[in-house]
Amino acid sequence: MPEKLEARLRRSNNLAIIYFSGDVTTFAEDVVQNAYREAIRDGERNVAIDFSACEYINSAGIAAGSCCT
């Protein structure tokens, strides 16, 4: 069973950093989109994404994150 994707947001100066942990699959779309919306909510334009705590990322998960462009 895939590990549920979780997102944590941290702001540093003029940078929003989204830390993901869990599996990035097609089922991650809502988590990815919500995290990105939260990161840019106050007009932030610089967003970094950290997948270092993710053990599994597939092509459907990458496509789910395509909203962040």
N, C-alpha and C. Protein backbone atom coordinates (compact mmCIF):
# COMPACT_ATOMS: atom_id res chain seq x y z
N MET A 1 0.85 -1.19 0.00
CA MET A 1 0.00 0.00 0.00
C MET A 1 0.89 1.25 0.00
N PRO A 2 0.61 2.21 -0.89
CA PRO A 2 1.41 3.43 -0.96
C PRO A 2 1.33 4.23 0.34
N GLU A 3 2.43 4.89 0.66
CA GLU A 3 2.45 5.76 1.82
C GLU A 3 1.81 7.09 1.44
N LYS A 4 0.87 7.55 2.24
CA LYS A 4 0.15 8.80 1.96
C LYS A 4 1.13 9.97 1.89
N LEU A 5 0.94 10.81 0.89
CA LEU A 5 1.78 11.98 0.72
C LEU A 5 1.35 13.07 1.69
N GLU A 6 2.34 13.68 2.32
CA GLU A 6 2.10 14.81 3.22
C GLU A 6 2.99 15.96 2.80
N ALA A 7 2.52 17.17 3.05
CA ALA A 7 3.27 18.37 2.69
C ALA A 7 3.40 19.28 3.91
N ARG A 8 4.56 19.90 4.01
CA ARG A 8 4.82 20.87 5.06
C ARG A 8 5.43 22.09 4.39
N LEU A 9 4.97 23.26 4.76
CA LEU A 9 5.42 24.51 4.14
C LEU A 9 6.26 25.30 5.14
N ARG A 10 7.38 25.83 4.66
CA ARG A 10 8.21 26.71 5.47
C ARG A 10 8.57 27.92 4.61
N ARG A 11 8.56 29.08 5.23
CA ARG A 11 8.94 30.30 4.51
C ARG A 11 10.26 30.81 5.07
N SER A 12 11.12 31.24 4.17
CA SER A 12 12.42 31.78 4.54
C SER A 12 12.72 32.95 3.62
N ASN A 13 12.79 34.14 4.20
CA ASN A 13 12.99 35.37 3.43
C ASN A 13 11.94 35.45 2.32
N ASN A 14 12.33 35.45 1.07
CA ASN A 14 11.36 35.54 -0.03
C ASN A 14 11.22 34.20 -0.74
N LEU A 15 11.31 33.11 0.01
CA LEU A 15 11.23 31.77 -0.56
C LEU A 15 10.26 30.92 0.25
N ALA A 16 9.35 30.26 -0.45
CA ALA A 16 8.46 29.28 0.16
C ALA A 16 9.01 27.90 -0.19
N ILE A 17 9.21 27.07 0.82
CA ILE A 17 9.75 25.73 0.60
C ILE A 17 8.69 24.71 1.00
N ILE A 18 8.34 23.84 0.05
CA ILE A 18 7.37 22.78 0.32
C ILE A 18 8.15 21.48 0.48
N TYR A 19 8.01 20.87 1.65
CA TYR A 19 8.65 19.59 1.94
C TYR A 19 7.60 18.49 1.81
N PHE A 20 7.84 17.55 0.93
CA PHE A 20 6.92 16.43 0.75
C PHE A 20 7.52 15.18 1.38
N SER A 21 6.66 14.35 1.95
CA SER A 21 7.07 13.03 2.44
C SER A 21 5.95 12.05 2.10
N GLY A 22 6.33 10.85 1.72
CA GLY A 22 5.36 9.85 1.29
C GLY A 22 5.57 9.53 -0.18
N ASP A 23 4.59 8.89 -0.77
CA ASP A 23 4.68 8.48 -2.17
C ASP A 23 3.99 9.49 -3.08
N VAL A 24 4.66 9.84 -4.18
CA VAL A 24 4.11 10.79 -5.14
C VAL A 24 3.56 9.98 -6.32
N THR A 25 2.26 9.78 -6.30
CA THR A 25 1.55 9.03 -7.33
C THR A 25 0.37 9.87 -7.80
N THR A 26 -0.44 9.31 -8.67
CA THR A 26 -1.62 10.03 -9.15
C THR A 26 -2.56 10.43 -8.02
N PHE A 27 -2.49 9.69 -6.91
CA PHE A 27 -3.36 10.00 -5.77
C PHE A 27 -2.87 11.20 -4.97
N ALA A 28 -1.72 11.74 -5.32
CA ALA A 28 -1.12 12.85 -4.59
C ALA A 28 -1.56 14.22 -5.12
N GLU A 29 -2.32 14.24 -6.17
CA GLU A 29 -2.64 15.50 -6.85
C GLU A 29 -3.21 16.56 -5.91
N ASP A 30 -4.17 16.23 -5.09
CA ASP A 30 -4.77 17.23 -4.20
C ASP A 30 -3.75 17.78 -3.21
N VAL A 31 -2.92 16.92 -2.66
CA VAL A 31 -1.91 17.37 -1.69
C VAL A 31 -0.92 18.32 -2.37
N VAL A 32 -0.47 17.97 -3.56
CA VAL A 32 0.49 18.80 -4.28
C VAL A 32 -0.13 20.15 -4.63
N GLN A 33 -1.32 20.14 -5.18
CA GLN A 33 -1.98 21.39 -5.57
C GLN A 33 -2.27 22.27 -4.37
N ASN A 34 -2.76 21.69 -3.29
CA ASN A 34 -3.06 22.49 -2.10
C ASN A 34 -1.81 23.09 -1.49
N ALA A 35 -0.72 22.34 -1.46
CA ALA A 35 0.53 22.86 -0.92
C ALA A 35 1.04 24.02 -1.77
N TYR A 36 0.96 23.88 -3.08
CA TYR A 36 1.43 24.94 -3.97
C TYR A 36 0.56 26.20 -3.82
N ARG A 37 -0.74 26.01 -3.77
CA ARG A 37 -1.63 27.17 -3.58
C ARG A 37 -1.32 27.90 -2.28
N GLU A 38 -1.06 27.15 -1.23
CA GLU A 38 -0.72 27.76 0.06
C GLU A 38 0.61 28.52 -0.05
N ALA A 39 1.57 27.95 -0.77
CA ALA A 39 2.88 28.59 -0.92
C ALA A 39 2.78 29.93 -1.64
N ILE A 40 1.90 30.05 -2.62
CA ILE A 40 1.81 31.30 -3.40
C ILE A 40 0.66 32.20 -2.94
N ARG A 41 -0.03 31.80 -1.91
CA ARG A 41 -1.22 32.52 -1.43
C ARG A 41 -0.97 34.00 -1.21
N ASP A 42 0.14 34.35 -0.62
CA ASP A 42 0.42 35.76 -0.30
C ASP A 42 1.26 36.44 -1.37
N GLY A 43 1.25 35.88 -2.58
CA GLY A 43 1.97 36.50 -3.69
C GLY A 43 3.40 36.03 -3.85
N GLU A 44 3.79 35.02 -3.08
CA GLU A 44 5.16 34.50 -3.21
C GLU A 44 5.39 33.98 -4.62
N ARG A 45 6.53 34.33 -5.20
CA ARG A 45 6.86 33.89 -6.56
C ARG A 45 8.00 32.88 -6.57
N ASN A 46 8.72 32.77 -5.47
CA ASN A 46 9.86 31.85 -5.39
C ASN A 46 9.46 30.65 -4.53
N VAL A 47 9.36 29.50 -5.18
CA VAL A 47 8.92 28.29 -4.50
C VAL A 47 9.93 27.18 -4.79
N ALA A 48 10.40 26.54 -3.73
CA ALA A 48 11.28 25.37 -3.86
C ALA A 48 10.50 24.15 -3.38
N ILE A 49 10.74 23.03 -4.01
CA ILE A 49 10.05 21.79 -3.65
C ILE A 49 11.10 20.75 -3.27
N ASP A 50 10.94 20.17 -2.09
CA ASP A 50 11.89 19.19 -1.57
C ASP A 50 11.22 17.82 -1.51
N PHE A 51 11.69 16.91 -2.37
CA PHE A 51 11.16 15.55 -2.40
C PHE A 51 12.11 14.56 -1.72
N SER A 52 13.09 15.03 -0.97
CA SER A 52 14.10 14.14 -0.42
C SER A 52 13.54 13.11 0.56
N ALA A 53 12.37 13.35 1.15
CA ALA A 53 11.76 12.40 2.08
C ALA A 53 10.78 11.46 1.38
N CYS A 54 10.72 11.53 0.06
CA CYS A 54 9.82 10.66 -0.72
C CYS A 54 10.61 9.45 -1.20
N GLU A 55 10.06 8.28 -0.94
CA GLU A 55 10.73 7.06 -1.38
C GLU A 55 10.29 6.61 -2.76
N TYR A 56 9.13 7.07 -3.21
CA TYR A 56 8.59 6.59 -4.49
C TYR A 56 7.92 7.74 -5.22
N ILE A 57 8.34 7.97 -6.46
CA ILE A 57 7.72 8.97 -7.32
C ILE A 57 7.56 8.32 -8.69
N ASN A 58 6.32 8.30 -9.20
CA ASN A 58 6.14 7.74 -10.55
C ASN A 58 5.70 8.83 -11.51
N SER A 59 5.59 8.49 -12.79
CA SER A 59 5.27 9.49 -13.81
C SER A 59 3.89 10.10 -13.60
N ALA A 60 2.94 9.34 -13.08
CA ALA A 60 1.62 9.90 -12.78
C ALA A 60 1.72 10.93 -11.67
N GLY A 61 2.61 10.70 -10.71
CA GLY A 61 2.82 11.67 -9.64
C GLY A 61 3.44 12.94 -10.15
N ILE A 62 4.37 12.82 -11.07
CA ILE A 62 4.97 14.00 -11.68
C ILE A 62 3.92 14.79 -12.45
N ALA A 63 3.06 14.09 -13.18
CA ALA A 63 1.98 14.76 -13.92
C ALA A 63 1.02 15.44 -12.95
N ALA A 64 0.78 14.85 -11.80
CA ALA A 64 -0.11 15.46 -10.80
C ALA A 64 0.44 16.79 -10.32
N GLY A 65 1.77 16.92 -10.32
CA GLY A 65 2.41 18.14 -9.89
C GLY A 65 2.54 19.18 -10.98
N SER A 66 2.09 18.88 -12.17
CA SER A 66 2.25 19.82 -13.28
C SER A 66 1.43 21.09 -13.10
N CYS A 67 0.55 21.12 -12.10
CA CYS A 67 -0.22 22.33 -11.82
C CYS A 67 0.69 23.44 -11.31
N CYS A 68 1.86 23.09 -10.88
CA CYS A 68 2.76 24.04 -10.21
C CYS A 68 3.67 24.76 -11.19
N THR A 69 3.18 25.03 -12.38
CA THR A 69 4.01 25.73 -13.35
C THR A 69 3.42 27.06 -13.68
